[in-house]
Amino acid sequence: MKTGKNSIVLVEDDKDLGMLLSEYLILHNFDVRLCSDAESAPTDFSNDQLLILDVMLPKQSGFEFAKKVKKRFPKLPIIFLTAKSQKKDIIEGLKLGADDYITKPFEIDELILRIKNLIKRTGKSGWEINIGNLTLDTKNLTLSNNKDQEIQLTEREFLILELLVQNTNQLTRRKEVLEKVWGEDDYFHGRSMDVFIVKLRKYLKLDSSISLKNIRGIGFKLEVEKPIK
């Protein structure tokens, strides 16, 4: 198996889904090693490889396997595949050092896009995402500018902002934010989300080229006057 930024280890116990994802990734010029469980997955990685890991694996969960891997290869990028959308599962994955997550069911094209975005990010800095002139530190959950001004984000603030950044200059629907951050779409969570959006809009004033617009009743749009670096 080749190593490098186009090399992926995919651990998925659903045989049909694993084969489908593997074939699709190969069509997009990725070199893929498919494993059905953590026990058959490799024990050695290159930090330039990418690990796509299902959470619900037999014998040893994806979380358990990721914890072991991260101890030896702390810079290895990991994307979790999970049927769970509860906030606690997302937070657990991020605390273990995951760089991204995607909840089932999902469009394969979305996974491809997330992989490409992750490769771009880790090619520059394993933990940082640039938004205009701001830097989002995904490890320490901070937002800072080039004037040494820094804001410590809560876990929920971070999760919302990360979703918005993934859809920069595009619509992020309310339903998507609620389901991925709160685990469900209901009225009371929606009111809570609006409070968080107000806070994030205030934080983003650290850079005048960034605006967070509310598309009434539909969602939000994070607009950046210049492209993400």
C-alpha atoms as a PDB file:
ATOM      1  CA  MET A   1       0.000   0.000   0.000  1.00  0.00           C
ATOM      2  CA  LYS A   2       1.304   3.433  -0.921  1.00  0.00           C
ATOM      3  CA  THR A   3       1.664   6.131   1.704  1.00  0.00           C
ATOM      4  CA  GLY A   4       1.004   9.842   1.371  1.00  0.00           C
ATOM      5  CA  LYS A   5      -1.912  12.226   1.356  1.00  0.00           C
ATOM      6  CA  ASN A   6      -3.912  10.097  -1.100  1.00  0.00           C
ATOM      7  CA  SER A   7      -3.621   7.007   1.104  1.00  0.00           C
ATOM      8  CA  ILE A   8      -6.652   6.083   3.210  1.00  0.00           C
ATOM      9  CA  VAL A   9      -7.336   3.347   5.751  1.00  0.00           C
ATOM     10  CA  LEU A  10     -11.089   2.717   5.894  1.00  0.00           C
ATOM     11  CA  VAL A  11     -12.449   0.702   8.847  1.00  0.00           C
ATOM     12  CA  GLU A  12     -16.112  -0.183   8.284  1.00  0.00           C
ATOM     13  CA  ASP A  13     -17.862  -3.380   9.463  1.00  0.00           C
ATOM     14  CA  ASP A  14     -20.775  -3.064   7.028  1.00  0.00           C
ATOM     15  CA  LYS A  15     -19.411  -5.101   4.119  1.00  0.00           C
ATOM     16  CA  ASP A  16     -21.605  -3.549   1.418  1.00  0.00           C
ATOM     17  CA  LEU A  17     -21.039   0.022   2.586  1.00  0.00           C
ATOM     18  CA  GLY A  18     -17.323  -0.599   2.981  1.00  0.00           C
ATOM     19  CA  MET A  19     -17.005  -1.918  -0.581  1.00  0.00           C
ATOM     20  CA  LEU A  20     -19.097   0.937  -1.969  1.00  0.00           C
ATOM     21  CA  LEU A  21     -17.035   3.607  -0.189  1.00  0.00           C
ATOM     22  CA  SER A  22     -13.777   1.916  -1.115  1.00  0.00           C
ATOM     23  CA  GLU A  23     -14.646   1.721  -4.810  1.00  0.00           C
ATOM     24  CA  TYR A  24     -15.825   5.323  -4.868  1.00  0.00           C
ATOM     25  CA  LEU A  25     -12.658   6.554  -3.144  1.00  0.00           C
ATOM     26  CA  ILE A  26     -10.510   4.639  -5.622  1.00  0.00           C
ATOM     27  CA  LEU A  27     -12.408   6.311  -8.489  1.00  0.00           C
ATOM     28  CA  HIS A  28     -11.356   9.630  -6.921  1.00  0.00           C
ATOM     29  CA  ASN A  29      -7.690   8.602  -7.050  1.00  0.00           C
ATOM     30  CA  PHE A  30      -7.299   7.538  -3.425  1.00  0.00           C
ATOM     31  CA  ASP A  31      -5.362   4.433  -2.474  1.00  0.00           C
ATOM     32  CA  VAL A  32      -7.602   2.543  -0.028  1.00  0.00           C
ATOM     33  CA  ARG A  33      -7.069  -0.246   2.483  1.00  0.00           C
ATOM     34  CA  LEU A  34     -10.453  -1.580   3.640  1.00  0.00           C
ATOM     35  CA  CYS A  35     -10.729  -3.291   7.051  1.00  0.00           C
ATOM     36  CA  SER A  36     -13.862  -4.799   8.589  1.00  0.00           C
ATOM     37  CA  ASP A  37     -12.831  -4.245  12.228  1.00  0.00           C
ATOM     38  CA  ALA A  38     -10.145  -2.684  14.413  1.00  0.00           C
ATOM     39  CA  GLU A  39      -8.362  -6.026  14.835  1.00  0.00           C
ATOM     40  CA  SER A  40      -7.644  -6.278  11.109  1.00  0.00           C
ATOM     41  CA  ALA A  41      -6.627  -2.624  10.787  1.00  0.00           C
ATOM     42  CA  PRO A  42      -2.918  -1.734  10.548  1.00  0.00           C
ATOM     43  CA  THR A  43      -0.954  -0.914  13.678  1.00  0.00           C
ATOM     44  CA  ASP A  44       1.466   1.431  11.933  1.00  0.00           C
ATOM     45  CA  PHE A  45       0.503   4.631  10.146  1.00  0.00           C
ATOM     46  CA  SER A  46       2.159   7.503   8.415  1.00  0.00           C
ATOM     47  CA  ASN A  47       1.069  10.920   9.670  1.00  0.00           C
ATOM     48  CA  ASP A  48       0.360  11.753   6.027  1.00  0.00           C
ATOM     49  CA  GLN A  49      -2.255   9.006   5.791  1.00  0.00           C
ATOM     50  CA  LEU A  50      -5.929   9.425   6.609  1.00  0.00           C
ATOM     51  CA  LEU A  51      -8.026   7.119   8.796  1.00  0.00           C
ATOM     52  CA  ILE A  52     -11.777   6.860   8.186  1.00  0.00           C
ATOM     53  CA  LEU A  53     -13.263   5.026  11.128  1.00  0.00           C
ATOM     54  CA  ASP A  54     -16.744   3.711  11.871  1.00  0.00           C
ATOM     55  CA  VAL A  55     -17.697   4.261  15.521  1.00  0.00           C
ATOM     56  CA  MET A  56     -19.851   1.142  15.943  1.00  0.00           C
ATOM     57  CA  LEU A  57     -17.371  -1.678  15.342  1.00  0.00           C
ATOM     58  CA  PRO A  58     -17.510  -5.230  16.748  1.00  0.00           C
ATOM     59  CA  LYS A  59     -15.257  -6.178  19.698  1.00  0.00           C
ATOM     60  CA  GLN A  60     -13.460  -2.814  19.811  1.00  0.00           C
ATOM     61  CA  SER A  61     -15.275   0.451  19.135  1.00  0.00           C
ATOM     62  CA  GLY A  62     -13.980   3.107  16.817  1.00  0.00           C
ATOM     63  CA  PHE A  63     -13.458   5.394  19.809  1.00  0.00           C
ATOM     64  CA  GLU A  64     -11.290   2.793  21.555  1.00  0.00           C
ATOM     65  CA  PHE A  65      -9.240   2.169  18.432  1.00  0.00           C
ATOM     66  CA  ALA A  66      -8.805   5.906  17.750  1.00  0.00           C
ATOM     67  CA  LYS A  67      -7.552   6.458  21.299  1.00  0.00           C
ATOM     68  CA  LYS A  68      -4.822   3.839  20.821  1.00  0.00           C
ATOM     69  CA  VAL A  69      -3.876   5.148  17.402  1.00  0.00           C
ATOM     70  CA  LYS A  70      -3.654   8.763  18.545  1.00  0.00           C
ATOM     71  CA  LYS A  71      -1.237   7.844  21.336  1.00  0.00           C
ATOM     72  CA  ARG A  72       1.258   6.588  18.770  1.00  0.00           C
ATOM     73  CA  PHE A  73       0.375   8.832  15.841  1.00  0.00           C
ATOM     74  CA  PRO A  74      -0.987  12.106  17.285  1.00  0.00           C
ATOM     75  CA  LYS A  75      -0.976  13.918  13.934  1.00  0.00           C
ATOM     76  CA  LEU A  76      -2.873  11.226  12.030  1.00  0.00           C
ATOM     77  CA  PRO A  77      -6.064  12.784  10.569  1.00  0.00           C
ATOM     78  CA  ILE A  78      -9.231  10.869  11.511  1.00  0.00           C
ATOM     79  CA  ILE A  79     -12.784  11.114  10.194  1.00  0.00           C
ATOM     80  CA  PHE A  80     -15.482   9.268  12.173  1.00  0.00           C
ATOM     81  CA  LEU A  81     -18.428   7.614  10.441  1.00  0.00           C
ATOM     82  CA  THR A  82     -21.317   7.266  12.861  1.00  0.00           C
ATOM     83  CA  ALA A  83     -25.042   6.620  12.916  1.00  0.00           C
ATOM     84  CA  LYS A  84     -25.158   8.618  16.130  1.00  0.00           C
ATOM     85  CA  SER A  85     -25.858  12.345  15.991  1.00  0.00           C
ATOM     86  CA  GLN A  86     -25.967  12.978  19.729  1.00  0.00           C
ATOM     87  CA  LYS A  87     -23.739  15.816  20.880  1.00  0.00           C
ATOM     88  CA  LYS A  88     -21.962  13.625  23.450  1.00  0.00           C
ATOM     89  CA  ASP A  89     -20.741  11.245  20.730  1.00  0.00           C
ATOM     90  CA  ILE A  90     -19.511  14.084  18.539  1.00  0.00           C
ATOM     91  CA  ILE A  91     -17.719  15.701  21.475  1.00  0.00           C
ATOM     92  CA  GLU A  92     -16.135  12.389  22.484  1.00  0.00           C
ATOM     93  CA  GLY A  93     -14.755  11.960  18.995  1.00  0.00           C
ATOM     94  CA  LEU A  94     -13.329  15.476  18.928  1.00  0.00           C
ATOM     95  CA  LYS A  95     -11.738  15.028  22.340  1.00  0.00           C
ATOM     96  CA  LEU A  96     -10.028  11.887  21.089  1.00  0.00           C
ATOM     97  CA  GLY A  97      -8.480  13.985  18.354  1.00  0.00           C
ATOM     98  CA  ALA A  98     -10.814  13.393  15.427  1.00  0.00           C
ATOM     99  CA  ASP A  99     -10.581  16.045  12.736  1.00  0.00           C
ATOM    100  CA  ASP A 100     -14.085  15.567  11.353  1.00  0.00           C
ATOM    101  CA  TYR A 101     -17.167  13.382  11.584  1.00  0.00           C
ATOM    102  CA  ILE A 102     -20.053  12.511   9.317  1.00  0.00           C
ATOM    103  CA  THR A 103     -23.336  10.948  10.374  1.00  0.00           C
ATOM    104  CA  LYS A 104     -25.072   8.127   8.520  1.00  0.00           C
ATOM    105  CA  PRO A 105     -26.829   8.177   6.179  1.00  0.00           C
ATOM    106  CA  PHE A 106     -24.711  10.539   4.099  1.00  0.00           C
ATOM    107  CA  GLU A 107     -24.001  11.348   0.469  1.00  0.00           C
ATOM    108  CA  ILE A 108     -20.686   9.875  -0.672  1.00  0.00           C
ATOM    109  CA  ASP A 109     -19.865  13.142  -2.440  1.00  0.00           C
ATOM    110  CA  GLU A 110     -20.065  14.887   0.937  1.00  0.00           C
ATOM    111  CA  LEU A 111     -17.486  12.468   2.339  1.00  0.00           C
ATOM    112  CA  ILE A 112     -15.194  13.115  -0.628  1.00  0.00           C
ATOM    113  CA  LEU A 113     -15.494  16.863  -0.053  1.00  0.00           C
ATOM    114  CA  ARG A 114     -14.723  16.507   3.645  1.00  0.00           C
ATOM    115  CA  ILE A 115     -11.671  14.360   2.871  1.00  0.00           C
ATOM    116  CA  LYS A 116     -10.343  16.920   0.407  1.00  0.00           C
ATOM    117  CA  ASN A 117     -10.938  19.774   2.843  1.00  0.00           C
ATOM    118  CA  LEU A 118      -9.185  17.846   5.598  1.00  0.00           C
ATOM    119  CA  ILE A 119      -6.189  17.142   3.376  1.00  0.00           C
ATOM    120  CA  LYS A 120      -5.912  20.854   2.610  1.00  0.00           C
ATOM    121  CA  ARG A 121      -6.144  21.757   6.290  1.00  0.00           C
ATOM    122  CA  THR A 122      -3.669  19.197   7.557  1.00  0.00           C
ATOM    123  CA  GLY A 123      -1.291  20.074   4.762  1.00  0.00           C
ATOM    124  CA  LYS A 124      -0.886  23.479   6.415  1.00  0.00           C
ATOM    125  CA  SER A 125      -1.516  22.874  10.083  1.00  0.00           C
ATOM    126  CA  GLY A 126      -3.046  19.834  11.711  1.00  0.00           C
ATOM    127  CA  TRP A 127      -5.199  21.801  14.118  1.00  0.00           C
ATOM    128  CA  GLU A 128      -5.920  25.170  12.518  1.00  0.00           C
ATOM    129  CA  ILE A 129      -8.511  26.412  10.048  1.00  0.00           C
ATOM    130  CA  ASN A 130      -8.142  29.889   8.563  1.00  0.00           C
ATOM    131  CA  ILE A 131     -11.318  31.964   8.160  1.00  0.00           C
ATOM    132  CA  GLY A 132     -10.481  35.278   6.543  1.00  0.00           C
ATOM    133  CA  ASN A 133      -7.913  36.752   8.935  1.00  0.00           C
ATOM    134  CA  LEU A 134      -9.077  34.573  11.836  1.00  0.00           C
ATOM    135  CA  THR A 135      -7.744  31.224  12.979  1.00  0.00           C
ATOM    136  CA  LEU A 136      -9.976  28.514  14.419  1.00  0.00           C
ATOM    137  CA  ASP A 137      -7.914  26.164  16.587  1.00  0.00           C
ATOM    138  CA  THR A 138      -9.759  22.841  16.517  1.00  0.00           C
ATOM    139  CA  LYS A 139      -7.650  21.347  19.300  1.00  0.00           C
ATOM    140  CA  ASN A 140      -7.869  24.129  21.877  1.00  0.00           C
ATOM    141  CA  LEU A 141     -11.271  25.468  20.726  1.00  0.00           C
ATOM    142  CA  THR A 142     -10.084  29.060  20.308  1.00  0.00           C
ATOM    143  CA  LEU A 143     -10.755  31.766  17.737  1.00  0.00           C
ATOM    144  CA  SER A 144      -8.020  34.356  17.238  1.00  0.00           C
ATOM    145  CA  ASN A 145      -6.886  37.096  14.882  1.00  0.00           C
ATOM    146  CA  ASN A 146      -3.493  38.384  13.779  1.00  0.00           C
ATOM    147  CA  LYS A 147      -3.541  41.011  16.529  1.00  0.00           C
ATOM    148  CA  ASP A 148      -3.167  38.426  19.294  1.00  0.00           C
ATOM    149  CA  GLN A 149      -6.820  38.722  20.292  1.00  0.00           C
ATOM    150  CA  GLU A 150      -8.177  35.331  21.283  1.00  0.00           C
ATOM    151  CA  ILE A 151     -11.589  34.020  22.306  1.00  0.00           C
ATOM    152  CA  GLN A 152     -12.078  30.719  24.121  1.00  0.00           C
ATOM    153  CA  LEU A 153     -15.053  28.888  22.641  1.00  0.00           C
ATOM    154  CA  THR A 154     -17.357  26.475  24.404  1.00  0.00           C
ATOM    155  CA  GLU A 155     -17.708  23.037  22.816  1.00  0.00           C
ATOM    156  CA  ARG A 156     -21.114  23.915  21.401  1.00  0.00           C
ATOM    157  CA  GLU A 157     -19.919  27.257  20.025  1.00  0.00           C
ATOM    158  CA  PHE A 158     -17.068  25.431  18.331  1.00  0.00           C
ATOM    159  CA  LEU A 159     -19.320  22.787  16.776  1.00  0.00           C
ATOM    160  CA  ILE A 160     -21.664  25.408  15.342  1.00  0.00           C
ATOM    161  CA  LEU A 161     -18.832  27.536  13.970  1.00  0.00           C
ATOM    162  CA  GLU A 162     -17.144  24.490  12.452  1.00  0.00           C
ATOM    163  CA  LEU A 163     -20.336  23.657  10.531  1.00  0.00           C
ATOM    164  CA  LEU A 164     -20.615  27.230   9.311  1.00  0.00           C
ATOM    165  CA  VAL A 165     -16.991  27.235   8.175  1.00  0.00           C
ATOM    166  CA  GLN A 166     -17.482  23.988   6.267  1.00  0.00           C
ATOM    167  CA  ASN A 167     -20.211  25.791   4.299  1.00  0.00           C
ATOM    168  CA  THR A 168     -18.444  29.148   3.931  1.00  0.00           C
ATOM    169  CA  ASN A 169     -20.371  31.458   1.557  1.00  0.00           C
ATOM    170  CA  GLN A 170     -23.136  28.857   1.346  1.00  0.00           C
ATOM    171  CA  LEU A 171     -26.352  28.257   3.244  1.00  0.00           C
ATOM    172  CA  THR A 172     -26.150  26.178   6.430  1.00  0.00           C
ATOM    173  CA  ARG A 173     -29.671  25.038   7.291  1.00  0.00           C
ATOM    174  CA  ARG A 174     -31.065  25.364  10.809  1.00  0.00           C
ATOM    175  CA  LYS A 175     -32.127  21.722  10.754  1.00  0.00           C
ATOM    176  CA  GLU A 176     -28.568  20.556  10.031  1.00  0.00           C
ATOM    177  CA  VAL A 177     -27.107  22.568  12.911  1.00  0.00           C
ATOM    178  CA  LEU A 178     -29.753  21.382  15.362  1.00  0.00           C
ATOM    179  CA  GLU A 179     -29.415  17.718  14.425  1.00  0.00           C
ATOM    180  CA  LYS A 180     -25.611  17.669  14.453  1.00  0.00           C
ATOM    181  CA  VAL A 181     -25.030  19.823  17.534  1.00  0.00           C
ATOM    182  CA  TRP A 182     -28.115  19.206  19.701  1.00  0.00           C
ATOM    183  CA  GLY A 183     -29.060  15.790  18.332  1.00  0.00           C
ATOM    184  CA  GLU A 184     -32.599  16.800  17.357  1.00  0.00           C
ATOM    185  CA  ASP A 185     -34.576  19.585  15.767  1.00  0.00           C
ATOM    186  CA  ASP A 186     -37.113  21.089  18.160  1.00  0.00           C
ATOM    187  CA  TYR A 187     -38.405  24.527  19.157  1.00  0.00           C
ATOM    188  CA  PHE A 188     -36.508  24.923  22.438  1.00  0.00           C
ATOM    189  CA  HIS A 189     -33.172  23.852  20.972  1.00  0.00           C
ATOM    190  CA  GLY A 190     -33.851  26.279  18.138  1.00  0.00           C
ATOM    191  CA  ARG A 191     -34.226  29.171  20.574  1.00  0.00           C
ATOM    192  CA  SER A 192     -30.989  28.133  22.274  1.00  0.00           C
ATOM    193  CA  MET A 193     -29.212  27.965  18.919  1.00  0.00           C
ATOM    194  CA  ASP A 194     -30.271  31.528  18.081  1.00  0.00           C
ATOM    195  CA  VAL A 195     -28.565  32.719  21.275  1.00  0.00           C
ATOM    196  CA  PHE A 196     -25.352  30.954  20.239  1.00  0.00           C
ATOM    197  CA  ILE A 197     -25.535  32.505  16.776  1.00  0.00           C
ATOM    198  CA  VAL A 198     -25.706  35.979  18.335  1.00  0.00           C
ATOM    199  CA  LYS A 199     -22.586  35.182  20.380  1.00  0.00           C
ATOM    200  CA  LEU A 200     -20.698  33.884  17.361  1.00  0.00           C
ATOM    201  CA  ARG A 201     -21.654  36.936  15.331  1.00  0.00           C
ATOM    202  CA  LYS A 202     -20.073  39.068  18.071  1.00  0.00           C
ATOM    203  CA  TYR A 203     -16.900  36.944  18.114  1.00  0.00           C
ATOM    204  CA  LEU A 204     -16.523  37.167  14.343  1.00  0.00           C
ATOM    205  CA  LYS A 205     -16.306  40.956  14.565  1.00  0.00           C
ATOM    206  CA  LEU A 206     -12.601  40.343  15.175  1.00  0.00           C
ATOM    207  CA  ASP A 207     -12.406  40.405  11.367  1.00  0.00           C
ATOM    208  CA  SER A 208     -14.458  42.968   9.446  1.00  0.00           C
ATOM    209  CA  SER A 209     -14.269  40.875   6.246  1.00  0.00           C
ATOM    210  CA  ILE A 210     -16.476  38.208   7.844  1.00  0.00           C
ATOM    211  CA  SER A 211     -20.235  38.399   8.329  1.00  0.00           C
ATOM    212  CA  LEU A 212     -22.728  35.873   9.692  1.00  0.00           C
ATOM    213  CA  LYS A 213     -26.136  36.389   8.105  1.00  0.00           C
ATOM    214  CA  ASN A 214     -29.450  34.974   9.248  1.00  0.00           C
ATOM    215  CA  ILE A 215     -31.641  33.638   6.441  1.00  0.00           C
ATOM    216  CA  ARG A 216     -34.950  33.948   8.255  1.00  0.00           C
ATOM    217  CA  GLY A 217     -36.602  30.630   8.999  1.00  0.00           C
ATOM    218  CA  ILE A 218     -34.125  28.716   6.826  1.00  0.00           C
ATOM    219  CA  GLY A 219     -30.593  28.952   8.154  1.00  0.00           C
ATOM    220  CA  PHE A 220     -27.379  30.946   8.225  1.00  0.00           C
ATOM    221  CA  LYS A 221     -24.634  32.026   5.863  1.00  0.00           C
ATOM    222  CA  LEU A 222     -21.048  32.677   6.913  1.00  0.00           C
ATOM    223  CA  GLU A 223     -19.681  35.087   4.317  1.00  0.00           C
ATOM    224  CA  VAL A 224     -15.984  35.862   3.876  1.00  0.00           C
ATOM    225  CA  GLU A 225     -14.950  38.584   1.457  1.00  0.00           C
ATOM    226  CA  LYS A 226     -11.761  36.754   0.549  1.00  0.00           C
ATOM    227  CA  PRO A 227     -11.255  32.992   0.188  1.00  0.00           C
ATOM    228  CA  ILE A 228     -10.222  30.790   3.102  1.00  0.00           C
ATOM    229  CA  LYS A 229      -6.461  30.370   3.026  1.00  0.00           C
END
